């Protein structure tokens, strides 16, 4: 999916990002992501556009990001 914001790290650095998702049942995706991976992130449906909002903090590391990506691939990519 095309990003909501440009990929320009010098301009758009942030620890909070919203990423677009395909047209999925976000309630089911959120439930599966938690039940199967124990990951909880907000899913949004704004004017028909689906997305996931991710916030990274000092206690998160690359392994957390990898787990999130794997979980999203499983619950969104396996539709």
PDB file of N, CA and C in Angstrom:
ATOM      1  N   UNK A   1       0.842  -1.176   0.000  1.00  0.00           N
ATOM      2  CA  UNK A   1       0.000   0.000   0.000  1.00  0.00           C
ATOM      3  C   UNK A   1       0.892   1.247   0.000  1.00  0.00           C
ATOM      4  N   UNK A   2       0.476   2.306  -0.691  1.00  0.00           N
ATOM      5  CA  UNK A   2       1.240   3.553  -0.631  1.00  0.00           C
ATOM      6  C   UNK A   2       1.192   4.143   0.779  1.00  0.00           C
ATOM      7  N   UNK A   3       2.298   4.724   1.255  1.00  0.00           N
ATOM      8  CA  UNK A   3       2.300   5.288   2.610  1.00  0.00           C
ATOM      9  C   UNK A   3       1.394   6.511   2.709  1.00  0.00           C
ATOM     10  N   UNK A   4       0.923   6.818   3.930  1.00  0.00           N
ATOM     11  CA  UNK A   4       0.139   8.021   4.168  1.00  0.00           C
ATOM     12  C   UNK A   4       1.010   9.267   4.075  1.00  0.00           C
ATOM     13  N   UNK A   5       2.275   9.150   4.461  1.00  0.00           N
ATOM     14  CA  UNK A   5       3.204  10.275   4.435  1.00  0.00           C
ATOM     15  C   UNK A   5       4.431   9.887   3.631  1.00  0.00           C
ATOM     16  N   UNK A   6       5.153  10.873   3.081  1.00  0.00           N
ATOM     17  CA  UNK A   6       6.355  10.556   2.298  1.00  0.00           C
ATOM     18  C   UNK A   6       7.422   9.879   3.141  1.00  0.00           C
ATOM     19  N   UNK A   7       8.242   9.071   2.483  1.00  0.00           N
ATOM     20  CA  UNK A   7       9.354   8.400   3.156  1.00  0.00           C
ATOM     21  C   UNK A   7      10.580   9.310   3.081  1.00  0.00           C
ATOM     22  N   UNK A   8      10.563  10.354   3.895  1.00  0.00           N
ATOM     23  CA  UNK A   8      11.652  11.324   3.940  1.00  0.00           C
ATOM     24  C   UNK A   8      12.093  11.474   5.392  1.00  0.00           C
ATOM     25  N   UNK A   9      13.001  10.590   5.870  1.00  0.00           N
ATOM     26  CA  UNK A   9      13.359  10.582   7.292  1.00  0.00           C
ATOM     27  C   UNK A   9      13.902  11.912   7.807  1.00  0.00           C
ATOM     28  N   UNK A  10      14.544  12.694   6.954  1.00  0.00           N
ATOM     29  CA  UNK A  10      15.074  13.977   7.406  1.00  0.00           C
ATOM     30  C   UNK A  10      13.954  14.975   7.694  1.00  0.00           C
ATOM     31  N   UNK A  11      12.800  14.765   7.056  1.00  0.00           N
ATOM     32  CA  UNK A  11      11.677  15.683   7.198  1.00  0.00           C
ATOM     33  C   UNK A  11      10.602  15.114   8.124  1.00  0.00           C
ATOM     34  N   UNK A  12      10.354  13.811   8.037  1.00  0.00           N
ATOM     35  CA  UNK A  12       9.219  13.183   8.714  1.00  0.00           C
ATOM     36  C   UNK A  12       9.646  12.235   9.826  1.00  0.00           C
ATOM     37  N   UNK A  13      10.648  12.569  10.601  1.00  0.00           N
ATOM     38  CA  UNK A  13      11.052  11.687  11.703  1.00  0.00           C
ATOM     39  C   UNK A  13       9.999  11.718  12.800  1.00  0.00           C
ATOM     40  N   UNK A  14       9.602  10.542  13.241  1.00  0.00           N
ATOM     41  CA  UNK A  14       8.604  10.464  14.303  1.00  0.00           C
ATOM     42  C   UNK A  14       8.654   9.084  14.937  1.00  0.00           C
ATOM     43  N   UNK A  15       8.248   8.999  16.178  1.00  0.00           N
ATOM     44  CA  UNK A  15       8.154   7.692  16.824  1.00  0.00           C
ATOM     45  C   UNK A  15       6.758   7.123  16.697  1.00  0.00           C
ATOM     46  N   UNK A  16       5.849   7.873  16.089  1.00  0.00           N
ATOM     47  CA  UNK A  16       4.480   7.437  15.868  1.00  0.00           C
ATOM     48  C   UNK A  16       4.201   7.488  14.376  1.00  0.00           C
ATOM     49  N   UNK A  17       3.655   6.395  13.845  1.00  0.00           N
ATOM     50  CA  UNK A  17       3.384   6.344  12.414  1.00  0.00           C
ATOM     51  C   UNK A  17       2.071   5.604  12.164  1.00  0.00           C
ATOM     52  N   UNK A  18       1.340   6.074  11.180  1.00  0.00           N
ATOM     53  CA  UNK A  18       0.148   5.355  10.724  1.00  0.00           C
ATOM     54  C   UNK A  18       0.455   4.752   9.366  1.00  0.00           C
ATOM     55  N   UNK A  19       0.160   3.471   9.223  1.00  0.00           N
ATOM     56  CA  UNK A  19       0.453   2.756   7.984  1.00  0.00           C
ATOM     57  C   UNK A  19      -0.856   2.278   7.364  1.00  0.00           C
ATOM     58  N   UNK A  20      -1.018   2.456   6.061  1.00  0.00           N
ATOM     59  CA  UNK A  20      -2.249   2.027   5.411  1.00  0.00           C
ATOM     60  C   UNK A  20      -2.353   0.511   5.330  1.00  0.00           C
ATOM     61  N   UNK A  21      -3.581   0.025   5.344  1.00  0.00           N
ATOM     62  CA  UNK A  21      -3.871  -1.397   5.208  1.00  0.00           C
ATOM     63  C   UNK A  21      -4.870  -1.585   4.075  1.00  0.00           C
ATOM     64  N   UNK A  22      -4.901  -2.777   3.503  1.00  0.00           N
ATOM     65  CA  UNK A  22      -5.930  -3.040   2.490  1.00  0.00           C
ATOM     66  C   UNK A  22      -7.313  -3.061   3.154  1.00  0.00           C
ATOM     67  N   UNK A  23      -8.337  -3.168   2.366  1.00  0.00           N
ATOM     68  CA  UNK A  23      -9.703  -3.184   2.883  1.00  0.00           C
ATOM     69  C   UNK A  23      -9.959  -4.519   3.585  1.00  0.00           C
ATOM     70  N   UNK A  24      -9.746  -4.527   4.896  1.00  0.00           N
ATOM     71  CA  UNK A  24      -9.876  -5.739   5.707  1.00  0.00           C
ATOM     72  C   UNK A  24     -10.877  -5.490   6.830  1.00  0.00           C
ATOM     73  N   UNK A  25     -11.236  -6.538   7.518  1.00  0.00           N
ATOM     74  CA  UNK A  25     -12.030  -6.412   8.740  1.00  0.00           C
ATOM     75  C   UNK A  25     -11.043  -6.093   9.861  1.00  0.00           C
ATOM     76  N   UNK A  26     -10.981  -4.827  10.266  1.00  0.00           N
ATOM     77  CA  UNK A  26      -9.960  -4.436  11.234  1.00  0.00           C
ATOM     78  C   UNK A  26     -10.248  -4.986  12.630  1.00  0.00           C
ATOM     79  N   UNK A  27     -11.499  -5.243  12.948  1.00  0.00           N
ATOM     80  CA  UNK A  27     -11.809  -5.842  14.248  1.00  0.00           C
ATOM     81  C   UNK A  27     -11.232  -7.247  14.323  1.00  0.00           C
ATOM     82  N   UNK A  28     -11.409  -8.016  13.255  1.00  0.00           N
ATOM     83  CA  UNK A  28     -10.856  -9.370  13.204  1.00  0.00           C
ATOM     84  C   UNK A  28      -9.321  -9.332  13.222  1.00  0.00           C
ATOM     85  N   UNK A  29      -8.732  -8.418  12.451  1.00  0.00           N
ATOM     86  CA  UNK A  29      -7.267  -8.319  12.391  1.00  0.00           C
ATOM     87  C   UNK A  29      -6.691  -7.961  13.762  1.00  0.00           C
ATOM     88  N   UNK A  30      -7.320  -7.011  14.452  1.00  0.00           N
ATOM     89  CA  UNK A  30      -6.847  -6.609  15.775  1.00  0.00           C
ATOM     90  C   UNK A  30      -6.934  -7.777  16.754  1.00  0.00           C
ATOM     91  N   UNK A  31      -8.041  -8.499  16.711  1.00  0.00           N
ATOM     92  CA  UNK A  31      -8.226  -9.648  17.597  1.00  0.00           C
ATOM     93  C   UNK A  31      -7.189 -10.727  17.322  1.00  0.00           C
ATOM     94  N   UNK A  32      -6.989 -11.060  16.052  1.00  0.00           N
ATOM     95  CA  UNK A  32      -6.007 -12.090  15.693  1.00  0.00           C
ATOM     96  C   UNK A  32      -4.597 -11.678  16.072  1.00  0.00           C
ATOM     97  N   UNK A  33      -4.253 -10.401  15.832  1.00  0.00           N
ATOM     98  CA  UNK A  33      -2.902  -9.935  16.156  1.00  0.00           C
ATOM     99  C   UNK A  33      -2.627 -10.103  17.649  1.00  0.00           C
ATOM    100  N   UNK A  34      -3.632  -9.825  18.465  1.00  0.00           N
ATOM    101  CA  UNK A  34      -3.429  -9.997  19.901  1.00  0.00           C
ATOM    102  C   UNK A  34      -3.449 -11.479  20.298  1.00  0.00           C
ATOM    103  N   UNK A  35      -4.453 -12.215  19.831  1.00  0.00           N
ATOM    104  CA  UNK A  35      -4.599 -13.622  20.232  1.00  0.00           C
ATOM    105  C   UNK A  35      -3.419 -14.487  19.786  1.00  0.00           C
ATOM    106  N   UNK A  36      -2.929 -14.249  18.574  1.00  0.00           N
ATOM    107  CA  UNK A  36      -1.886 -15.111  18.019  1.00  0.00           C
ATOM    108  C   UNK A  36      -0.470 -14.625  18.305  1.00  0.00           C
ATOM    109  N   UNK A  37      -0.300 -13.309  18.491  1.00  0.00           N
ATOM    110  CA  UNK A  37       1.052 -12.757  18.646  1.00  0.00           C
ATOM    111  C   UNK A  37       1.237 -11.951  19.927  1.00  0.00           C
ATOM    112  N   UNK A  38       0.155 -11.727  20.667  1.00  0.00           N
ATOM    113  CA  UNK A  38       0.178 -10.913  21.885  1.00  0.00           C
ATOM    114  C   UNK A  38       0.708  -9.507  21.606  1.00  0.00           C
ATOM    115  N   UNK A  39       0.255  -8.948  20.471  1.00  0.00           N
ATOM    116  CA  UNK A  39       0.617  -7.587  20.086  1.00  0.00           C
ATOM    117  C   UNK A  39      -0.664  -6.772  20.035  1.00  0.00           C
ATOM    118  N   UNK A  40      -0.636  -5.617  20.687  1.00  0.00           N
ATOM    119  CA  UNK A  40      -1.803  -4.745  20.695  1.00  0.00           C
ATOM    120  C   UNK A  40      -1.420  -3.387  20.127  1.00  0.00           C
ATOM    121  N   UNK A  41      -2.034  -3.035  19.009  1.00  0.00           N
ATOM    122  CA  UNK A  41      -1.851  -1.733  18.367  1.00  0.00           C
ATOM    123  C   UNK A  41      -3.225  -1.256  17.890  1.00  0.00           C
ATOM    124  N   UNK A  42      -3.410   0.059  17.816  1.00  0.00           N
ATOM    125  CA  UNK A  42      -4.694   0.571  17.328  1.00  0.00           C
ATOM    126  C   UNK A  42      -4.834   0.398  15.812  1.00  0.00           C
ATOM    127  N   UNK A  43      -5.959  -0.118  15.409  1.00  0.00           N
ATOM    128  CA  UNK A  43      -6.336  -0.158  13.997  1.00  0.00           C
ATOM    129  C   UNK A  43      -7.359   0.953  13.788  1.00  0.00           C
ATOM    130  N   UNK A  44      -7.302   1.618  12.642  1.00  0.00           N
ATOM    131  CA  UNK A  44      -8.198   2.739  12.390  1.00  0.00           C
ATOM    132  C   UNK A  44      -8.960   2.544  11.090  1.00  0.00           C
ATOM    133  N   UNK A  45     -10.147   3.103  11.054  1.00  0.00           N
ATOM    134  CA  UNK A  45     -10.955   3.183   9.839  1.00  0.00           C
ATOM    135  C   UNK A  45     -11.433   4.622   9.766  1.00  0.00           C
ATOM    136  N   UNK A  46     -10.795   5.395   8.904  1.00  0.00           N
ATOM    137  CA  UNK A  46     -11.090   6.820   8.809  1.00  0.00           C
ATOM    138  C   UNK A  46     -11.541   7.135   7.392  1.00  0.00           C
ATOM    139  N   UNK A  47     -12.782   7.485   7.254  1.00  0.00           N
ATOM    140  CA  UNK A  47     -13.360   7.793   5.947  1.00  0.00           C
ATOM    141  C   UNK A  47     -13.122   6.662   4.949  1.00  0.00           C
ATOM    142  N   UNK A  48     -13.262   5.442   5.432  1.00  0.00           N
ATOM    143  CA  UNK A  48     -13.096   4.278   4.568  1.00  0.00           C
ATOM    144  C   UNK A  48     -11.668   3.844   4.339  1.00  0.00           C
ATOM    145  N   UNK A  49     -10.698   4.590   4.867  1.00  0.00           N
ATOM    146  CA  UNK A  49      -9.291   4.200   4.739  1.00  0.00           C
ATOM    147  C   UNK A  49      -8.895   3.430   5.988  1.00  0.00           C
ATOM    148  N   UNK A  50      -8.381   2.238   5.800  1.00  0.00           N
ATOM    149  CA  UNK A  50      -7.956   1.397   6.919  1.00  0.00           C
ATOM    150  C   UNK A  50      -6.476   1.613   7.188  1.00  0.00           C
ATOM    151  N   UNK A  51      -6.099   1.497   8.463  1.00  0.00           N
ATOM    152  CA  UNK A  51      -4.697   1.653   8.808  1.00  0.00           C
ATOM    153  C   UNK A  51      -4.398   1.099  10.188  1.00  0.00           C
ATOM    154  N   UNK A  52      -3.126   1.078  10.494  1.00  0.00           N
ATOM    155  CA  UNK A  52      -2.652   0.666  11.814  1.00  0.00           C
ATOM    156  C   UNK A  52      -1.731   1.774  12.310  1.00  0.00           C
ATOM    157  N   UNK A  53      -1.865   2.119  13.591  1.00  0.00           N
ATOM    158  CA  UNK A  53      -1.029   3.166  14.175  1.00  0.00           C
ATOM    159  C   UNK A  53      -0.019   2.513  15.098  1.00  0.00           C
ATOM    160  N   UNK A  54       1.242   2.812  14.864  1.00  0.00           N
ATOM    161  CA  UNK A  54       2.323   2.180  15.616  1.00  0.00           C
ATOM    162  C   UNK A  54       3.136   3.260  16.311  1.00  0.00           C
ATOM    163  N   UNK A  55       3.437   3.021  17.581  1.00  0.00           N
ATOM    164  CA  UNK A  55       4.260   3.939  18.360  1.00  0.00           C
ATOM    165  C   UNK A  55       5.461   3.167  18.897  1.00  0.00           C
ATOM    166  N   UNK A  56       6.652   3.701  18.671  1.00  0.00           N
ATOM    167  CA  UNK A  56       7.883   3.088  19.169  1.00  0.00           C
ATOM    168  C   UNK A  56       8.430   3.938  20.294  1.00  0.00           C
ATOM    169  N   UNK A  57       8.828   3.271  21.358  1.00  0.00           N
ATOM    170  CA  UNK A  57       9.363   3.954  22.538  1.00  0.00           C
ATOM    171  C   UNK A  57      10.785   3.459  22.803  1.00  0.00           C
ATOM    172  N   UNK A  58      11.422   4.045  23.793  1.00  0.00           N
ATOM    173  CA  UNK A  58      12.805   3.688  24.115  1.00  0.00           C
ATOM    174  C   UNK A  58      12.947   2.219  24.488  1.00  0.00           C
ATOM    175  N   UNK A  59      11.898   1.618  25.033  1.00  0.00           N
ATOM    176  CA  UNK A  59      11.983   0.216  25.448  1.00  0.00           C
ATOM    177  C   UNK A  59      11.728  -0.759  24.306  1.00  0.00           C
ATOM    178  N   UNK A  60      11.321  -0.272  23.126  1.00  0.00           N
ATOM    179  CA  UNK A  60      11.139  -1.144  21.963  1.00  0.00           C
ATOM    180  C   UNK A  60      12.473  -1.322  21.251  1.00  0.00           C
ATOM    181  N   UNK A  61      12.634  -2.493  20.629  1.00  0.00           N
ATOM    182  CA  UNK A  61      13.840  -2.716  19.838  1.00  0.00           C
ATOM    183  C   UNK A  61      13.454  -3.328  18.492  1.00  0.00           C
ATOM    184  N   UNK A  62      14.458  -3.646  17.714  1.00  0.00           N
ATOM    185  CA  UNK A  62      14.220  -4.172  16.370  1.00  0.00           C
ATOM    186  C   UNK A  62      13.442  -5.488  16.404  1.00  0.00           C
ATOM    187  N   UNK A  63      13.639  -6.289  17.451  1.00  0.00           N
ATOM    188  CA  UNK A  63      12.879  -7.542  17.573  1.00  0.00           C
ATOM    189  C   UNK A  63      11.379  -7.275  17.704  1.00  0.00           C
ATOM    190  N   UNK A  64      11.012  -6.213  18.426  1.00  0.00           N
ATOM    191  CA  UNK A  64       9.597  -5.844  18.553  1.00  0.00           C
ATOM    192  C   UNK A  64       9.019  -5.481  17.185  1.00  0.00           C
ATOM    193  N   UNK A  65       9.773  -4.716  16.416  1.00  0.00           N
ATOM    194  CA  UNK A  65       9.325  -4.338  15.077  1.00  0.00           C
ATOM    195  C   UNK A  65       9.192  -5.564  14.184  1.00  0.00           C
ATOM    196  N   UNK A  66      10.158  -6.463  14.242  1.00  0.00           N
ATOM    197  CA  UNK A  66      10.094  -7.692  13.437  1.00  0.00           C
ATOM    198  C   UNK A  66       8.863  -8.524  13.801  1.00  0.00           C
ATOM    199  N   UNK A  67       8.558  -8.636  15.098  1.00  0.00           N
ATOM    200  CA  UNK A  67       7.371  -9.384  15.545  1.00  0.00           C
ATOM    201  C   UNK A  67       6.100  -8.733  15.013  1.00  0.00           C
ATOM    202  N   UNK A  68       6.042  -7.400  15.059  1.00  0.00           N
ATOM    203  CA  UNK A  68       4.870  -6.686  14.551  1.00  0.00           C
ATOM    204  C   UNK A  68       4.704  -6.928  13.057  1.00  0.00           C
ATOM    205  N   UNK A  69       5.780  -6.815  12.309  1.00  0.00           N
ATOM    206  CA  UNK A  69       5.712  -7.031  10.855  1.00  0.00           C
ATOM    207  C   UNK A  69       5.274  -8.454  10.552  1.00  0.00           C
ATOM    208  N   UNK A  70       5.848  -9.432  11.235  1.00  0.00           N
ATOM    209  CA  UNK A  70       5.450 -10.834  11.025  1.00  0.00           C
ATOM    210  C   UNK A  70       3.979 -11.043  11.372  1.00  0.00           C
ATOM    211  N   UNK A  71       3.538 -10.451  12.475  1.00  0.00           N
ATOM    212  CA  UNK A  71       2.145 -10.573  12.870  1.00  0.00           C
ATOM    213  C   UNK A  71       1.196  -9.933  11.862  1.00  0.00           C
ATOM    214  N   UNK A  72       1.551  -8.746  11.405  1.00  0.00           N
ATOM    215  CA  UNK A  72       0.702  -8.080  10.408  1.00  0.00           C
ATOM    216  C   UNK A  72       0.651  -8.864   9.097  1.00  0.00           C
ATOM    217  N   UNK A  73       1.781  -9.410   8.690  1.00  0.00           N
ATOM    218  CA  UNK A  73       1.802 -10.220   7.476  1.00  0.00           C
ATOM    219  C   UNK A  73       0.853 -11.424   7.629  1.00  0.00           C
ATOM    220  N   UNK A  74       0.847 -12.015   8.812  1.00  0.00           N
ATOM    221  CA  UNK A  74      -0.003 -13.198   9.037  1.00  0.00           C
ATOM    222  C   UNK A  74      -1.478 -12.841   9.057  1.00  0.00           C
ATOM    223  N   UNK A  75      -1.841 -11.749   9.718  1.00  0.00           N
ATOM    224  CA  UNK A  75      -3.269 -11.447   9.852  1.00  0.00           C
ATOM    225  C   UNK A  75      -3.824 -10.625   8.701  1.00  0.00           C
ATOM    226  N   UNK A  76      -2.981  -9.872   8.037  1.00  0.00           N
ATOM    227  CA  UNK A  76      -3.442  -9.055   6.908  1.00  0.00           C
ATOM    228  C   UNK A  76      -3.109  -9.721   5.577  1.00  0.00           C
ATOM    229  N   UNK A  77      -1.893 -10.241   5.491  1.00  0.00           N
ATOM    230  CA  UNK A  77      -1.445 -10.838   4.232  1.00  0.00           C
ATOM    231  C   UNK A  77      -2.086 -12.174   3.931  1.00  0.00           C
ATOM    232  N   UNK A  78      -2.610 -12.839   4.941  1.00  0.00           N
ATOM    233  CA  UNK A  78      -3.209 -14.152   4.734  1.00  0.00           C
ATOM    234  C   UNK A  78      -4.702 -14.118   4.491  1.00  0.00           C
ATOM    235  N   UNK A  79      -5.211 -12.972   4.072  1.00  0.00           N
ATOM    236  CA  UNK A  79      -6.662 -12.857   3.872  1.00  0.00           C
ATOM    237  C   UNK A  79      -7.144 -13.489   2.622  1.00  0.00           C
TER     238      UNK A  79
END
